[in-house]
Amino acid sequence: MAHYLLKLINENGNFFIDQTSFARYIGTSRITVNKILNKWKNQKLIRLSNRTIDLLDINRLKSIRDSGSNQISNLDILMLTM
């Protein structure tokens, strides 16, 4: 999820998206998105307001993205084939 959040921010700056649309975009449930976004909000990694996600700590989000046990060089293609 961190990968796609960073990708969207990189491509669009701050963006407007609801949790259901973001969940569809990454192929998971809205409940999962809600739990993770609220966790990151409580950890002061992001700020949520009016369907906007503001990154407060981009380096920690990059660390979360990169902390997977397998480094996948092209995650976008992998997600599209699932």
N, C-alpha and C. Protein backbone atom coordinates (compact mmCIF):
# COMPACT_ATOMS: atom_id res chain seq x y z
N MET A 1 0.82 -1.18 0.00
CA MET A 1 0.00 0.00 0.00
C MET A 1 0.87 1.25 0.00
N ALA A 2 1.96 1.21 0.73
CA ALA A 2 2.88 2.35 0.75
C ALA A 2 3.42 2.63 -0.65
N HIS A 3 3.73 1.56 -1.39
CA HIS A 3 4.23 1.72 -2.76
C HIS A 3 3.26 2.53 -3.60
N TYR A 4 1.99 2.17 -3.59
CA TYR A 4 1.01 2.85 -4.42
C TYR A 4 0.70 4.25 -3.92
N LEU A 5 0.71 4.44 -2.63
CA LEU A 5 0.51 5.78 -2.09
C LEU A 5 1.64 6.71 -2.52
N LEU A 6 2.87 6.24 -2.40
CA LEU A 6 4.02 7.04 -2.84
C LEU A 6 3.98 7.28 -4.35
N LYS A 7 3.55 6.27 -5.11
CA LYS A 7 3.45 6.43 -6.56
C LYS A 7 2.42 7.49 -6.92
N LEU A 8 1.25 7.45 -6.31
CA LEU A 8 0.22 8.44 -6.60
C LEU A 8 0.66 9.85 -6.21
N ILE A 9 1.30 9.98 -5.05
CA ILE A 9 1.78 11.29 -4.61
C ILE A 9 2.84 11.80 -5.56
N ASN A 10 3.75 10.92 -5.98
CA ASN A 10 4.81 11.31 -6.90
C ASN A 10 4.25 11.79 -8.24
N GLU A 11 3.23 11.10 -8.73
CA GLU A 11 2.66 11.44 -10.03
C GLU A 11 1.71 12.64 -9.98
N ASN A 12 1.02 12.82 -8.85
CA ASN A 12 -0.05 13.81 -8.79
C ASN A 12 0.09 14.87 -7.71
N GLY A 13 1.11 14.79 -6.87
CA GLY A 13 1.15 15.65 -5.69
C GLY A 13 0.06 15.18 -4.74
N ASN A 14 -0.48 16.06 -3.92
CA ASN A 14 -1.62 15.66 -3.09
C ASN A 14 -2.78 15.38 -4.02
N PHE A 15 -3.58 14.39 -3.68
CA PHE A 15 -4.65 13.98 -4.58
C PHE A 15 -5.92 13.70 -3.80
N PHE A 16 -7.03 13.76 -4.50
CA PHE A 16 -8.32 13.47 -3.91
C PHE A 16 -8.74 12.06 -4.30
N ILE A 17 -9.00 11.24 -3.28
CA ILE A 17 -9.45 9.87 -3.53
C ILE A 17 -10.13 9.36 -2.27
N ASP A 18 -11.23 8.68 -2.44
CA ASP A 18 -11.86 8.09 -1.25
C ASP A 18 -11.27 6.71 -1.01
N GLN A 19 -11.53 6.18 0.17
CA GLN A 19 -10.92 4.91 0.56
C GLN A 19 -11.39 3.76 -0.32
N THR A 20 -12.63 3.79 -0.75
CA THR A 20 -13.15 2.72 -1.62
C THR A 20 -12.41 2.72 -2.95
N SER A 21 -12.22 3.90 -3.54
CA SER A 21 -11.51 3.99 -4.81
C SER A 21 -10.05 3.57 -4.66
N PHE A 22 -9.41 3.98 -3.57
CA PHE A 22 -8.02 3.59 -3.34
C PHE A 22 -7.93 2.08 -3.16
N ALA A 23 -8.88 1.50 -2.44
CA ALA A 23 -8.89 0.04 -2.25
C ALA A 23 -9.03 -0.68 -3.58
N ARG A 24 -9.90 -0.19 -4.44
CA ARG A 24 -10.03 -0.80 -5.78
C ARG A 24 -8.75 -0.65 -6.57
N TYR A 25 -8.11 0.50 -6.46
CA TYR A 25 -6.88 0.78 -7.20
C TYR A 25 -5.77 -0.22 -6.84
N ILE A 26 -5.68 -0.55 -5.54
CA ILE A 26 -4.61 -1.45 -5.12
C ILE A 26 -5.06 -2.90 -4.97
N GLY A 27 -6.36 -3.15 -5.17
CA GLY A 27 -6.85 -4.53 -5.14
C GLY A 27 -7.03 -5.12 -3.76
N THR A 28 -7.54 -4.32 -2.84
CA THR A 28 -7.80 -4.81 -1.49
C THR A 28 -9.14 -4.25 -1.02
N SER A 29 -9.50 -4.52 0.21
CA SER A 29 -10.79 -4.04 0.73
C SER A 29 -10.66 -2.64 1.32
N ARG A 30 -11.79 -1.94 1.37
CA ARG A 30 -11.82 -0.61 1.97
C ARG A 30 -11.47 -0.70 3.46
N ILE A 31 -11.88 -1.77 4.10
CA ILE A 31 -11.59 -1.95 5.52
C ILE A 31 -10.08 -2.02 5.75
N THR A 32 -9.37 -2.75 4.91
CA THR A 32 -7.92 -2.85 5.02
C THR A 32 -7.28 -1.48 4.83
N VAL A 33 -7.72 -0.76 3.80
CA VAL A 33 -7.19 0.58 3.55
C VAL A 33 -7.45 1.47 4.75
N ASN A 34 -8.66 1.43 5.29
CA ASN A 34 -9.01 2.26 6.43
C ASN A 34 -8.12 1.97 7.63
N LYS A 35 -7.91 0.69 7.92
CA LYS A 35 -7.08 0.32 9.08
C LYS A 35 -5.65 0.81 8.91
N ILE A 36 -5.09 0.63 7.73
CA ILE A 36 -3.70 1.04 7.51
C ILE A 36 -3.56 2.55 7.51
N LEU A 37 -4.47 3.25 6.83
CA LEU A 37 -4.40 4.72 6.81
C LEU A 37 -4.54 5.29 8.21
N ASN A 38 -5.44 4.74 9.00
CA ASN A 38 -5.59 5.23 10.38
C ASN A 38 -4.36 4.92 11.22
N LYS A 39 -3.75 3.77 11.00
CA LYS A 39 -2.51 3.43 11.71
C LYS A 39 -1.43 4.44 11.36
N TRP A 40 -1.28 4.73 10.05
CA TRP A 40 -0.27 5.69 9.61
C TRP A 40 -0.59 7.10 10.10
N LYS A 41 -1.87 7.42 10.17
CA LYS A 41 -2.28 8.73 10.70
C LYS A 41 -1.87 8.85 12.17
N ASN A 42 -2.13 7.81 12.94
CA ASN A 42 -1.77 7.81 14.37
C ASN A 42 -0.26 7.86 14.58
N GLN A 43 0.49 7.30 13.62
CA GLN A 43 1.95 7.33 13.70
C GLN A 43 2.53 8.63 13.13
N LYS A 44 1.64 9.55 12.72
CA LYS A 44 2.04 10.85 12.16
C LYS A 44 2.81 10.71 10.84
N LEU A 45 2.51 9.67 10.06
CA LEU A 45 3.12 9.50 8.74
C LEU A 45 2.33 10.25 7.67
N ILE A 46 1.01 10.33 7.88
CA ILE A 46 0.12 11.00 6.94
C ILE A 46 -0.89 11.84 7.70
N ARG A 47 -1.55 12.73 6.95
CA ARG A 47 -2.69 13.49 7.48
C ARG A 47 -3.83 13.28 6.49
N LEU A 48 -5.02 13.00 7.01
CA LEU A 48 -6.19 12.79 6.17
C LEU A 48 -7.15 13.95 6.38
N SER A 49 -7.59 14.55 5.26
CA SER A 49 -8.59 15.60 5.36
C SER A 49 -9.29 15.78 4.03
N ASN A 50 -10.60 15.77 4.06
CA ASN A 50 -11.41 16.00 2.86
C ASN A 50 -10.94 15.18 1.66
N ARG A 51 -10.80 13.87 1.85
CA ARG A 51 -10.37 12.95 0.78
C ARG A 51 -8.98 13.25 0.24
N THR A 52 -8.19 13.95 1.00
CA THR A 52 -6.80 14.23 0.62
C THR A 52 -5.88 13.53 1.59
N ILE A 53 -4.82 12.93 1.05
CA ILE A 53 -3.80 12.29 1.87
C ILE A 53 -2.54 13.13 1.75
N ASP A 54 -2.12 13.71 2.85
CA ASP A 54 -0.88 14.49 2.89
C ASP A 54 0.20 13.66 3.56
N LEU A 55 1.35 13.54 2.90
CA LEU A 55 2.47 12.81 3.49
C LEU A 55 3.19 13.72 4.48
N LEU A 56 3.36 13.24 5.68
CA LEU A 56 4.08 13.99 6.70
C LEU A 56 5.50 13.47 6.88
N ASP A 57 5.71 12.19 6.61
CA ASP A 57 7.03 11.58 6.77
C ASP A 57 7.30 10.62 5.61
N ILE A 58 7.72 11.18 4.50
CA ILE A 58 7.93 10.39 3.28
C ILE A 58 9.02 9.35 3.46
N ASN A 59 10.05 9.66 4.24
CA ASN A 59 11.14 8.69 4.44
C ASN A 59 10.68 7.45 5.19
N ARG A 60 9.81 7.61 6.18
CA ARG A 60 9.30 6.44 6.90
C ARG A 60 8.38 5.62 6.02
N LEU A 61 7.59 6.28 5.16
CA LEU A 61 6.75 5.54 4.23
C LEU A 61 7.59 4.77 3.22
N LYS A 62 8.68 5.37 2.76
CA LYS A 62 9.59 4.67 1.86
C LYS A 62 10.20 3.46 2.57
N SER A 63 10.50 3.63 3.84
CA SER A 63 11.05 2.52 4.62
C SER A 63 10.04 1.39 4.74
N ILE A 64 8.78 1.72 4.96
CA ILE A 64 7.72 0.71 5.01
C ILE A 64 7.61 0.01 3.67
N ARG A 65 7.63 0.78 2.59
CA ARG A 65 7.56 0.22 1.24
C ARG A 65 8.70 -0.75 0.98
N ASP A 66 9.91 -0.38 1.41
CA ASP A 66 11.10 -1.15 1.12
C ASP A 66 11.35 -2.28 2.11
N SER A 67 10.54 -2.38 3.17
CA SER A 67 10.82 -3.35 4.23
C SER A 67 10.31 -4.76 3.93
N GLY A 68 9.66 -4.97 2.79
CA GLY A 68 9.17 -6.31 2.44
C GLY A 68 10.31 -7.30 2.36
N SER A 69 10.00 -8.56 2.61
CA SER A 69 11.05 -9.57 2.59
C SER A 69 11.60 -9.81 1.19
N ASN A 70 10.77 -9.60 0.18
CA ASN A 70 11.22 -9.75 -1.21
C ASN A 70 11.22 -8.39 -1.87
N GLN A 71 12.31 -8.02 -2.46
CA GLN A 71 12.37 -6.79 -3.22
C GLN A 71 11.85 -7.07 -4.62
N ILE A 72 10.75 -6.48 -4.96
CA ILE A 72 10.14 -6.71 -6.27
C ILE A 72 10.37 -5.47 -7.11
N SER A 73 11.06 -5.62 -8.22
CA SER A 73 11.44 -4.47 -9.01
C SER A 73 10.28 -3.87 -9.78
N ASN A 74 9.28 -4.64 -10.15
CA ASN A 74 8.17 -4.08 -10.91
C ASN A 74 6.84 -4.56 -10.33
N LEU A 75 6.50 -4.01 -9.20
CA LEU A 75 5.30 -4.41 -8.48
C LEU A 75 4.04 -4.07 -9.27
N ASP A 76 4.06 -3.00 -10.08
CA ASP A 76 2.88 -2.62 -10.86
C ASP A 76 2.47 -3.75 -11.79
N ILE A 77 3.40 -4.34 -12.49
CA ILE A 77 3.10 -5.43 -13.42
C ILE A 77 2.59 -6.65 -12.66
N LEU A 78 3.19 -6.94 -11.52
CA LEU A 78 2.75 -8.07 -10.71
C LEU A 78 1.30 -7.89 -10.29
N MET A 79 0.91 -6.69 -9.84
CA MET A 79 -0.44 -6.44 -9.40
C MET A 79 -1.44 -6.59 -10.55
N LEU A 80 -1.05 -6.18 -11.75
CA LEU A 80 -1.95 -6.26 -12.89
C LEU A 80 -2.21 -7.70 -13.32
N THR A 81 -1.30 -8.61 -13.03
CA THR A 81 -1.46 -9.99 -13.45
C THR A 81 -2.21 -10.83 -12.44
N MET A 82 -2.53 -10.27 -11.30
CA MET A 82 -3.23 -11.03 -10.26
C MET A 82 -4.72 -11.07 -10.52
